């Protein structure tokens, strides 16, 4: 009975993976999500499809995160892929949308990390409880920062106008 199942198995017409039908599950999902099969780019070059996704040198599929595709589908590290196809180490292999999204995420993380450190220095502003209380606490932090900034500006102006020992005269 096992021999009969092997006769029903074939290769995917796109990626040549052994499958029970004409198209493997990965290729079927790729096509369903609007993917197109492209001619793989020449070694040493990178190609992007109409959606801004990078085209794989091995199978011709285009992905927003090509490195993830190469690792999962082709079982090779991104460094091996770069070496095999002559790509520079700094060559971007993620779509511009994804790159922008991750940049915004990192800025948000830096801002929240900054707020965390500020709360650590000012424990009286820390709050327990709901998100609403936390948002109010963060608003208080922003207000305090603005007032401190204004106070610093006022002190600086006083200093410039004559708050120093020379009566404001500069040498």
N, C-alpha and C. Protein backbone atom coordinates (compact mmCIF):
# COMPACT_ATOMS: atom_id res chain seq x y z
N UNK A 1 0.82 -1.20 0.00
CA UNK A 1 0.00 0.00 0.00
C UNK A 1 0.86 1.26 0.00
N UNK A 2 2.03 1.20 0.68
CA UNK A 2 2.94 2.34 0.70
C UNK A 2 3.46 2.67 -0.69
N UNK A 3 3.67 1.67 -1.54
CA UNK A 3 4.16 1.89 -2.90
C UNK A 3 3.14 2.62 -3.75
N UNK A 4 1.84 2.39 -3.50
CA UNK A 4 0.79 3.06 -4.26
C UNK A 4 0.78 4.56 -3.94
N UNK A 5 1.01 4.93 -2.68
CA UNK A 5 1.04 6.35 -2.30
C UNK A 5 2.19 7.08 -2.97
N UNK A 6 3.31 6.43 -3.16
CA UNK A 6 4.45 7.06 -3.81
C UNK A 6 4.14 7.39 -5.27
N UNK A 7 3.32 6.55 -5.93
CA UNK A 7 2.97 6.81 -7.33
C UNK A 7 2.11 8.07 -7.45
N UNK A 8 1.30 8.36 -6.40
CA UNK A 8 0.44 9.54 -6.44
C UNK A 8 1.21 10.83 -6.17
N UNK A 9 2.39 10.71 -5.59
CA UNK A 9 3.19 11.88 -5.27
C UNK A 9 3.87 12.39 -6.55
N UNK A 10 3.99 13.69 -6.64
CA UNK A 10 4.66 14.30 -7.77
C UNK A 10 5.46 15.49 -7.29
N UNK A 11 5.97 16.26 -8.21
CA UNK A 11 6.73 17.45 -7.85
C UNK A 11 5.92 18.69 -8.17
N UNK A 12 6.05 19.69 -7.32
CA UNK A 12 5.40 20.98 -7.55
C UNK A 12 5.94 21.57 -8.84
N UNK A 13 5.06 22.08 -9.67
CA UNK A 13 5.51 22.61 -10.97
C UNK A 13 6.30 23.91 -10.84
N UNK A 14 6.28 24.54 -9.66
CA UNK A 14 7.01 25.79 -9.46
C UNK A 14 8.34 25.58 -8.73
N UNK A 15 8.29 24.84 -7.62
CA UNK A 15 9.51 24.74 -6.81
C UNK A 15 10.09 23.33 -6.75
N UNK A 16 9.44 22.38 -7.38
CA UNK A 16 9.89 20.99 -7.49
C UNK A 16 9.98 20.26 -6.15
N UNK A 17 9.24 20.72 -5.15
CA UNK A 17 9.13 20.00 -3.89
C UNK A 17 8.17 18.84 -4.11
N UNK A 18 8.41 17.72 -3.46
CA UNK A 18 7.52 16.57 -3.61
C UNK A 18 6.19 16.90 -2.94
N UNK A 19 5.10 16.69 -3.68
CA UNK A 19 3.77 17.03 -3.19
C UNK A 19 2.75 16.04 -3.75
N UNK A 20 1.55 16.07 -3.21
CA UNK A 20 0.52 15.14 -3.67
C UNK A 20 -0.22 15.66 -4.90
N UNK A 21 -0.11 16.96 -5.18
CA UNK A 21 -0.79 17.53 -6.34
C UNK A 21 0.21 18.14 -7.30
N UNK A 22 -0.28 19.05 -8.14
CA UNK A 22 0.60 19.75 -9.09
C UNK A 22 1.37 20.89 -8.45
N UNK A 23 0.77 21.46 -7.38
CA UNK A 23 1.35 22.63 -6.73
C UNK A 23 1.43 22.36 -5.23
N UNK A 24 2.57 22.65 -4.62
CA UNK A 24 2.72 22.43 -3.18
C UNK A 24 1.92 23.50 -2.41
N UNK A 25 1.76 23.28 -1.13
CA UNK A 25 0.97 24.17 -0.29
C UNK A 25 1.59 25.57 -0.21
N UNK A 26 2.91 25.65 -0.14
CA UNK A 26 3.58 26.95 -0.05
C UNK A 26 3.34 27.78 -1.31
N UNK A 27 3.50 27.15 -2.47
CA UNK A 27 3.29 27.87 -3.74
C UNK A 27 1.82 28.25 -3.92
N UNK A 28 0.92 27.38 -3.50
CA UNK A 28 -0.51 27.65 -3.59
C UNK A 28 -0.86 28.89 -2.75
N UNK A 29 -0.34 28.96 -1.53
CA UNK A 29 -0.60 30.10 -0.65
C UNK A 29 0.01 31.38 -1.23
N UNK A 30 1.21 31.26 -1.77
CA UNK A 30 1.90 32.39 -2.38
C UNK A 30 1.06 32.98 -3.52
N UNK A 31 0.55 32.11 -4.41
CA UNK A 31 -0.27 32.56 -5.53
C UNK A 31 -1.59 33.15 -5.05
N UNK A 32 -2.18 32.55 -4.04
CA UNK A 32 -3.46 33.02 -3.49
C UNK A 32 -3.32 34.44 -2.93
N UNK A 33 -2.16 34.75 -2.36
CA UNK A 33 -1.91 36.07 -1.77
C UNK A 33 -1.43 37.10 -2.79
N UNK A 34 -1.52 36.77 -4.07
CA UNK A 34 -1.19 37.73 -5.11
C UNK A 34 0.25 37.67 -5.60
N UNK A 35 0.98 36.66 -5.19
CA UNK A 35 2.36 36.52 -5.64
C UNK A 35 2.46 36.08 -7.09
N UNK A 36 3.53 36.45 -7.74
CA UNK A 36 3.80 36.04 -9.11
C UNK A 36 5.17 35.36 -9.14
N UNK A 37 5.35 34.45 -10.06
CA UNK A 37 6.65 33.82 -10.23
C UNK A 37 7.44 34.60 -11.26
N UNK A 38 8.67 34.92 -10.91
CA UNK A 38 9.53 35.74 -11.75
C UNK A 38 10.75 34.93 -12.18
N UNK A 39 11.42 35.41 -13.19
CA UNK A 39 12.71 34.83 -13.57
C UNK A 39 13.70 35.24 -12.49
N UNK A 40 14.40 34.30 -11.88
CA UNK A 40 15.35 34.68 -10.84
C UNK A 40 16.40 35.67 -11.36
N UNK A 41 16.76 36.65 -10.55
CA UNK A 41 17.74 37.65 -10.97
C UNK A 41 19.13 37.04 -11.17
N UNK A 42 19.94 37.74 -11.92
CA UNK A 42 21.32 37.31 -12.17
C UNK A 42 22.11 37.42 -10.86
N UNK A 43 23.07 36.54 -10.64
CA UNK A 43 23.92 36.66 -9.45
C UNK A 43 24.60 38.03 -9.40
N UNK A 44 24.70 38.59 -8.21
CA UNK A 44 25.32 39.90 -8.03
C UNK A 44 24.35 41.06 -8.19
N UNK A 45 23.10 40.76 -8.59
CA UNK A 45 22.10 41.82 -8.74
C UNK A 45 20.90 41.50 -7.86
N UNK A 46 20.11 42.51 -7.59
CA UNK A 46 18.88 42.33 -6.83
C UNK A 46 17.74 42.84 -7.68
N UNK A 47 16.62 42.14 -7.62
CA UNK A 47 15.45 42.57 -8.39
C UNK A 47 14.26 42.70 -7.45
N UNK A 48 13.39 43.64 -7.79
CA UNK A 48 12.21 43.93 -6.98
C UNK A 48 11.00 43.84 -7.89
N UNK A 49 9.90 43.28 -7.38
CA UNK A 49 8.69 43.19 -8.21
C UNK A 49 7.87 44.47 -8.09
N UNK A 50 6.69 44.50 -8.69
CA UNK A 50 5.85 45.70 -8.72
C UNK A 50 5.36 46.12 -7.34
N UNK A 51 5.34 45.18 -6.38
CA UNK A 51 4.90 45.50 -5.02
C UNK A 51 6.05 46.00 -4.15
N UNK A 52 7.27 45.97 -4.68
CA UNK A 52 8.43 46.39 -3.90
C UNK A 52 9.04 45.26 -3.10
N UNK A 53 8.69 44.01 -3.42
CA UNK A 53 9.22 42.85 -2.72
C UNK A 53 10.45 42.33 -3.46
N UNK A 54 11.40 41.78 -2.71
CA UNK A 54 12.64 41.28 -3.30
C UNK A 54 12.44 39.87 -3.87
N UNK A 55 12.99 39.64 -5.06
CA UNK A 55 12.81 38.37 -5.76
C UNK A 55 13.95 37.43 -5.39
N UNK A 56 13.57 36.20 -5.03
CA UNK A 56 14.52 35.17 -4.63
C UNK A 56 15.32 34.69 -5.84
N UNK A 57 16.63 34.54 -5.67
CA UNK A 57 17.52 34.06 -6.74
C UNK A 57 17.35 32.57 -6.99
N UNK A 58 16.72 31.85 -6.06
CA UNK A 58 16.59 30.41 -6.18
C UNK A 58 15.28 30.01 -6.87
N UNK A 59 14.16 30.55 -6.38
CA UNK A 59 12.86 30.09 -6.87
C UNK A 59 12.07 31.14 -7.66
N UNK A 60 12.48 32.40 -7.62
CA UNK A 60 11.77 33.44 -8.37
C UNK A 60 10.55 34.00 -7.66
N UNK A 61 10.31 33.60 -6.43
CA UNK A 61 9.21 34.17 -5.65
C UNK A 61 9.67 35.50 -5.04
N UNK A 62 8.75 36.43 -4.86
CA UNK A 62 9.08 37.74 -4.29
C UNK A 62 8.49 37.85 -2.88
N UNK A 63 9.31 38.32 -1.96
CA UNK A 63 8.90 38.43 -0.56
C UNK A 63 9.33 39.76 0.03
N UNK A 64 8.51 40.24 0.98
CA UNK A 64 8.85 41.47 1.68
C UNK A 64 10.10 41.25 2.53
N UNK A 65 10.20 40.06 3.16
CA UNK A 65 11.36 39.72 3.99
C UNK A 65 12.04 38.51 3.34
N UNK A 66 12.91 38.78 2.40
CA UNK A 66 13.54 37.71 1.64
C UNK A 66 14.39 36.80 2.52
N UNK A 67 15.06 37.36 3.51
CA UNK A 67 15.91 36.56 4.39
C UNK A 67 15.12 35.49 5.12
N UNK A 68 13.92 35.84 5.57
CA UNK A 68 13.07 34.87 6.26
C UNK A 68 12.65 33.75 5.31
N UNK A 69 12.30 34.11 4.07
CA UNK A 69 11.91 33.13 3.06
C UNK A 69 13.06 32.16 2.78
N UNK A 70 14.26 32.69 2.60
CA UNK A 70 15.43 31.86 2.28
C UNK A 70 15.70 30.88 3.42
N UNK A 71 15.59 31.37 4.63
CA UNK A 71 15.86 30.52 5.80
C UNK A 71 14.83 29.40 5.92
N UNK A 72 13.55 29.73 5.75
CA UNK A 72 12.48 28.75 5.94
C UNK A 72 12.31 27.81 4.75
N UNK A 73 12.31 28.34 3.55
CA UNK A 73 12.02 27.55 2.36
C UNK A 73 13.25 26.81 1.82
N UNK A 74 14.38 27.50 1.79
CA UNK A 74 15.57 26.92 1.17
C UNK A 74 16.60 26.41 2.18
N UNK A 75 16.29 26.58 3.45
CA UNK A 75 17.13 26.04 4.53
C UNK A 75 18.59 26.50 4.44
N UNK A 76 18.76 27.79 4.20
CA UNK A 76 20.12 28.33 4.20
C UNK A 76 20.11 29.68 4.91
N UNK A 77 21.22 30.02 5.53
CA UNK A 77 21.31 31.30 6.24
C UNK A 77 21.39 32.43 5.21
N UNK A 78 21.09 33.63 5.66
CA UNK A 78 21.14 34.77 4.75
C UNK A 78 22.58 35.04 4.31
N UNK A 79 23.54 34.75 5.19
CA UNK A 79 24.96 34.94 4.81
C UNK A 79 25.37 33.95 3.71
N UNK A 80 24.91 32.71 3.82
CA UNK A 80 25.18 31.72 2.78
C UNK A 80 24.55 32.15 1.45
N UNK A 81 23.32 32.65 1.54
CA UNK A 81 22.60 33.12 0.35
C UNK A 81 23.36 34.27 -0.32
N UNK A 82 23.77 35.24 0.49
CA UNK A 82 24.51 36.40 -0.04
C UNK A 82 25.80 35.94 -0.73
N UNK A 83 26.51 35.02 -0.07
CA UNK A 83 27.77 34.52 -0.63
C UNK A 83 27.54 33.76 -1.92
N UNK A 84 26.53 32.91 -1.94
CA UNK A 84 26.24 32.08 -3.12
C UNK A 84 25.88 32.93 -4.33
N UNK A 85 25.16 34.04 -4.11
CA UNK A 85 24.69 34.85 -5.23
C UNK A 85 25.43 36.18 -5.37
N UNK A 86 26.54 36.32 -4.66
CA UNK A 86 27.41 37.49 -4.83
C UNK A 86 26.79 38.80 -4.41
N UNK A 87 26.03 38.79 -3.33
CA UNK A 87 25.41 40.02 -2.85
C UNK A 87 26.23 40.62 -1.72
N UNK A 88 26.28 41.93 -1.66
CA UNK A 88 27.03 42.61 -0.62
C UNK A 88 26.34 42.42 0.73
N UNK A 89 27.13 42.43 1.79
CA UNK A 89 26.58 42.20 3.13
C UNK A 89 25.60 43.28 3.56
N UNK A 90 25.79 44.48 3.06
CA UNK A 90 24.90 45.59 3.45
C UNK A 90 23.70 45.74 2.52
N UNK A 91 23.59 44.88 1.53
CA UNK A 91 22.47 44.96 0.58
C UNK A 91 21.16 44.69 1.32
N UNK A 92 20.23 45.63 1.21
CA UNK A 92 18.93 45.48 1.87
C UNK A 92 18.13 44.38 1.17
N UNK A 93 17.54 43.50 1.96
CA UNK A 93 16.71 42.42 1.42
C UNK A 93 15.33 42.41 2.05
N UNK A 94 14.90 43.57 2.53
CA UNK A 94 13.54 43.71 3.04
C UNK A 94 12.86 44.84 2.29
N UNK A 95 11.56 44.73 2.09
CA UNK A 95 10.82 45.76 1.38
C UNK A 95 10.83 47.08 2.11
N UNK A 96 10.63 48.17 1.36
CA UNK A 96 10.69 49.51 1.95
C UNK A 96 9.60 49.71 2.99
N UNK A 97 8.41 49.16 2.74
CA UNK A 97 7.32 49.28 3.72
C UNK A 97 7.70 48.65 5.05
N UNK A 98 8.27 47.45 4.97
CA UNK A 98 8.67 46.74 6.18
C UNK A 98 9.78 47.50 6.89
N UNK A 99 10.73 48.01 6.12
CA UNK A 99 11.85 48.77 6.68
C UNK A 99 11.32 50.01 7.41
N UNK A 100 10.38 50.71 6.79
CA UNK A 100 9.79 51.91 7.40
C UNK A 100 9.02 51.53 8.67
N UNK A 101 8.26 50.45 8.61
CA UNK A 101 7.49 49.99 9.75
C UNK A 101 8.40 49.66 10.94
N UNK A 102 9.50 48.98 10.67
CA UNK A 102 10.44 48.61 11.73
C UNK A 102 11.16 49.84 12.29
N UNK A 103 11.46 50.83 11.43
CA UNK A 103 12.09 52.06 11.91
C UNK A 103 11.16 52.80 12.86
N UNK A 104 9.88 52.89 12.50
CA UNK A 104 8.90 53.53 13.37
C UNK A 104 8.76 52.78 14.69
N UNK A 105 8.76 51.45 14.61
CA UNK A 105 8.66 50.63 15.81
C UNK A 105 9.84 50.90 16.75
N UNK A 106 11.05 50.97 16.18
CA UNK A 106 12.24 51.21 17.00
C UNK A 106 12.19 52.59 17.65
N UNK A 107 11.70 53.60 16.92
CA UNK A 107 11.58 54.94 17.51
C UNK A 107 10.59 54.92 18.66
N UNK A 108 9.48 54.20 18.49
CA UNK A 108 8.51 54.05 19.58
C UNK A 108 9.14 53.38 20.78
N UNK A 109 9.96 52.34 20.53
CA UNK A 109 10.63 51.63 21.62
C UNK A 109 11.60 52.56 22.34
N UNK A 110 12.34 53.37 21.58
CA UNK A 110 13.28 54.30 22.20
C UNK A 110 12.54 55.32 23.05
N UNK A 111 11.42 55.83 22.54
CA UNK A 111 10.63 56.80 23.31
C UNK A 111 10.08 56.17 24.58
N UNK A 112 9.54 54.95 24.47
CA UNK A 112 8.98 54.31 25.66
C UNK A 112 10.10 53.96 26.64
N UNK A 113 11.29 53.62 26.12
CA UNK A 113 12.44 53.33 26.98
C UNK A 113 12.86 54.60 27.71
N UNK A 114 12.83 55.74 27.02
CA UNK A 114 13.15 57.02 27.62
C UNK A 114 12.16 57.33 28.73
N UNK A 115 10.88 57.07 28.47
CA UNK A 115 9.86 57.32 29.49
C UNK A 115 10.06 56.39 30.68
N UNK A 116 10.47 55.15 30.41
CA UNK A 116 10.72 54.19 31.48
C UNK A 116 11.82 54.72 32.39
N UNK A 117 12.92 55.21 31.80
CA UNK A 117 14.03 55.71 32.60
C UNK A 117 13.61 56.96 33.38
N UNK A 118 12.79 57.79 32.76
CA UNK A 118 12.31 58.98 33.46
C UNK A 118 11.46 58.57 34.66
N UNK A 119 10.59 57.57 34.47
CA UNK A 119 9.77 57.08 35.58
C UNK A 119 10.65 56.46 36.66
N UNK A 120 11.74 55.83 36.26
CA UNK A 120 12.64 55.22 37.23
C UNK A 120 13.30 56.29 38.10
N UNK A 121 13.64 57.43 37.49
CA UNK A 121 14.27 58.52 38.23
C UNK A 121 13.25 59.27 39.10
N UNK A 122 11.97 59.23 38.70
CA UNK A 122 10.92 59.96 39.42
C UNK A 122 9.83 58.98 39.86
N UNK A 123 10.09 58.21 40.92
CA UNK A 123 9.14 57.18 41.33
C UNK A 123 7.78 57.73 41.74
N UNK A 124 7.73 59.00 42.12
CA UNK A 124 6.43 59.58 42.51
C UNK A 124 5.46 59.63 41.33
N UNK A 125 6.00 59.58 40.11
CA UNK A 125 5.13 59.61 38.93
C UNK A 125 4.67 58.23 38.50
N UNK A 126 5.29 57.19 39.06
CA UNK A 126 4.87 55.83 38.69
C UNK A 126 3.46 55.59 39.18
N UNK A 127 2.73 54.84 38.43
CA UNK A 127 1.37 54.54 38.85
C UNK A 127 1.09 53.05 38.70
N UNK A 128 0.19 52.58 39.49
CA UNK A 128 -0.26 51.20 39.41
C UNK A 128 -1.65 51.24 38.77
N UNK A 129 -2.01 50.20 38.08
CA UNK A 129 -3.39 50.11 37.61
C UNK A 129 -3.55 50.17 36.12
N UNK A 130 -4.62 50.81 35.73
CA UNK A 130 -5.10 50.75 34.35
C UNK A 130 -4.23 51.53 33.38
N UNK A 131 -4.48 51.26 32.09
CA UNK A 131 -3.77 51.98 31.03
C UNK A 131 -4.11 53.47 31.08
N UNK A 132 -5.34 53.78 31.46
CA UNK A 132 -5.75 55.18 31.54
C UNK A 132 -4.86 55.92 32.54
N UNK A 133 -4.61 55.31 33.70
CA UNK A 133 -3.73 55.92 34.70
C UNK A 133 -2.32 56.06 34.15
N UNK A 134 -1.85 55.06 33.42
CA UNK A 134 -0.51 55.11 32.85
C UNK A 134 -0.41 56.25 31.83
N UNK A 135 -1.44 56.42 31.01
CA UNK A 135 -1.44 57.50 30.03
C UNK A 135 -1.42 58.85 30.73
N UNK A 136 -2.20 58.98 31.82
CA UNK A 136 -2.21 60.22 32.58
C UNK A 136 -0.83 60.49 33.16
N UNK A 137 -0.18 59.45 33.63
CA UNK A 137 1.16 59.59 34.19
C UNK A 137 2.14 60.07 33.12
N UNK A 138 2.05 59.50 31.92
CA UNK A 138 2.94 59.92 30.83
C UNK A 138 2.65 61.35 30.42
N UNK A 139 1.39 61.77 30.48
CA UNK A 139 1.07 63.16 30.18
C UNK A 139 1.67 64.09 31.22
N UNK A 140 1.65 63.67 32.49
CA UNK A 140 2.28 64.45 33.55
C UNK A 140 3.78 64.58 33.30
N UNK A 141 4.40 63.51 32.84
CA UNK A 141 5.83 63.54 32.54
C UNK A 141 6.11 64.58 31.46
N UNK A 142 5.31 64.55 30.40
CA UNK A 142 5.51 65.51 29.30
C UNK A 142 5.32 66.94 29.79
N UNK A 143 4.31 67.18 30.61
CA UNK A 143 4.07 68.52 31.15
C UNK A 143 5.24 68.97 32.01
N UNK A 144 5.76 68.06 32.84
CA UNK A 144 6.89 68.39 33.70
C UNK A 144 8.12 68.72 32.85
N UNK A 145 8.35 67.94 31.81
CA UNK A 145 9.49 68.21 30.92
C UNK A 145 9.38 69.59 30.29
N UNK A 146 8.16 69.92 29.82
CA UNK A 146 7.96 71.23 29.19
C UNK A 146 8.20 72.36 30.17
N UNK A 147 7.70 72.22 31.40
CA UNK A 147 7.88 73.28 32.39
C UNK A 147 9.36 73.40 32.77
N UNK A 148 10.08 72.27 32.89
CA UNK A 148 11.50 72.33 33.19
C UNK A 148 12.25 73.01 32.06
N UNK A 149 11.85 72.72 30.83
CA UNK A 149 12.49 73.33 29.67
C UNK A 149 12.27 74.84 29.68
N UNK A 150 11.05 75.27 30.00
CA UNK A 150 10.74 76.69 30.05
C UNK A 150 11.53 77.38 31.16
N UNK A 151 11.65 76.73 32.32
CA UNK A 151 12.42 77.28 33.43
C UNK A 151 13.88 77.43 33.04
N UNK A 152 14.41 76.45 32.33
CA UNK A 152 15.81 76.52 31.89
C UNK A 152 16.01 77.68 30.93
N UNK A 153 15.06 77.88 30.03
CA UNK A 153 15.17 78.99 29.08
C UNK A 153 15.15 80.33 29.81
N UNK A 154 14.27 80.45 30.81
CA UNK A 154 14.18 81.70 31.57
C UNK A 154 15.49 81.96 32.30
N UNK A 155 16.06 80.93 32.96
CA UNK A 155 17.33 81.07 33.66
C UNK A 155 18.44 81.50 32.70
N UNK A 156 18.46 80.92 31.52
CA UNK A 156 19.48 81.25 30.53
C UNK A 156 19.36 82.69 30.08
N UNK A 157 18.13 83.12 29.85
CA UNK A 157 17.91 84.52 29.42
C UNK A 157 18.36 85.49 30.51
N UNK A 158 18.04 85.16 31.78
CA UNK A 158 18.48 86.02 32.89
C UNK A 158 20.01 86.09 32.93
N UNK A 159 20.64 84.95 32.75
CA UNK A 159 22.10 84.89 32.77
C UNK A 159 22.69 85.74 31.65
N UNK A 160 22.12 85.62 30.46
CA UNK A 160 22.62 86.37 29.31
C UNK A 160 22.43 87.87 29.49
N UNK A 161 21.35 88.26 30.17
CA UNK A 161 21.04 89.69 30.31
C UNK A 161 21.79 90.35 31.46
N UNK A 162 22.52 89.58 32.22
CA UNK A 162 23.29 90.24 33.26
C UNK A 162 23.28 89.51 34.58
N UNK A 163 22.93 88.32 34.59
CA UNK A 163 22.91 87.54 35.82
C UNK A 163 24.29 87.09 36.24
N UNK A 164 25.33 87.34 35.41
CA UNK A 164 26.67 86.90 35.79
C UNK A 164 27.37 88.00 36.63
N UNK A 165 28.55 87.73 37.17
CA UNK A 165 29.25 88.63 38.10
C UNK A 165 29.72 89.91 37.43
N UNK A 166 29.88 89.90 36.12
CA UNK A 166 30.38 91.08 35.42
C UNK A 166 29.27 92.03 35.03
N UNK A 167 28.03 91.80 35.55
CA UNK A 167 26.93 92.69 35.24
C UNK A 167 26.43 92.54 33.82
N UNK A 168 26.67 91.40 33.21
CA UNK A 168 26.16 91.15 31.87
C UNK A 168 27.15 91.47 30.78
N UNK A 169 28.25 92.10 31.15
CA UNK A 169 29.25 92.43 30.13
C UNK A 169 30.03 91.17 29.79
N UNK A 170 30.28 90.99 28.55
CA UNK A 170 31.05 89.82 28.14
C UNK A 170 32.44 90.22 27.73
N UNK A 171 33.38 89.38 27.97
CA UNK A 171 34.77 89.68 27.62
C UNK A 171 35.13 89.18 26.27
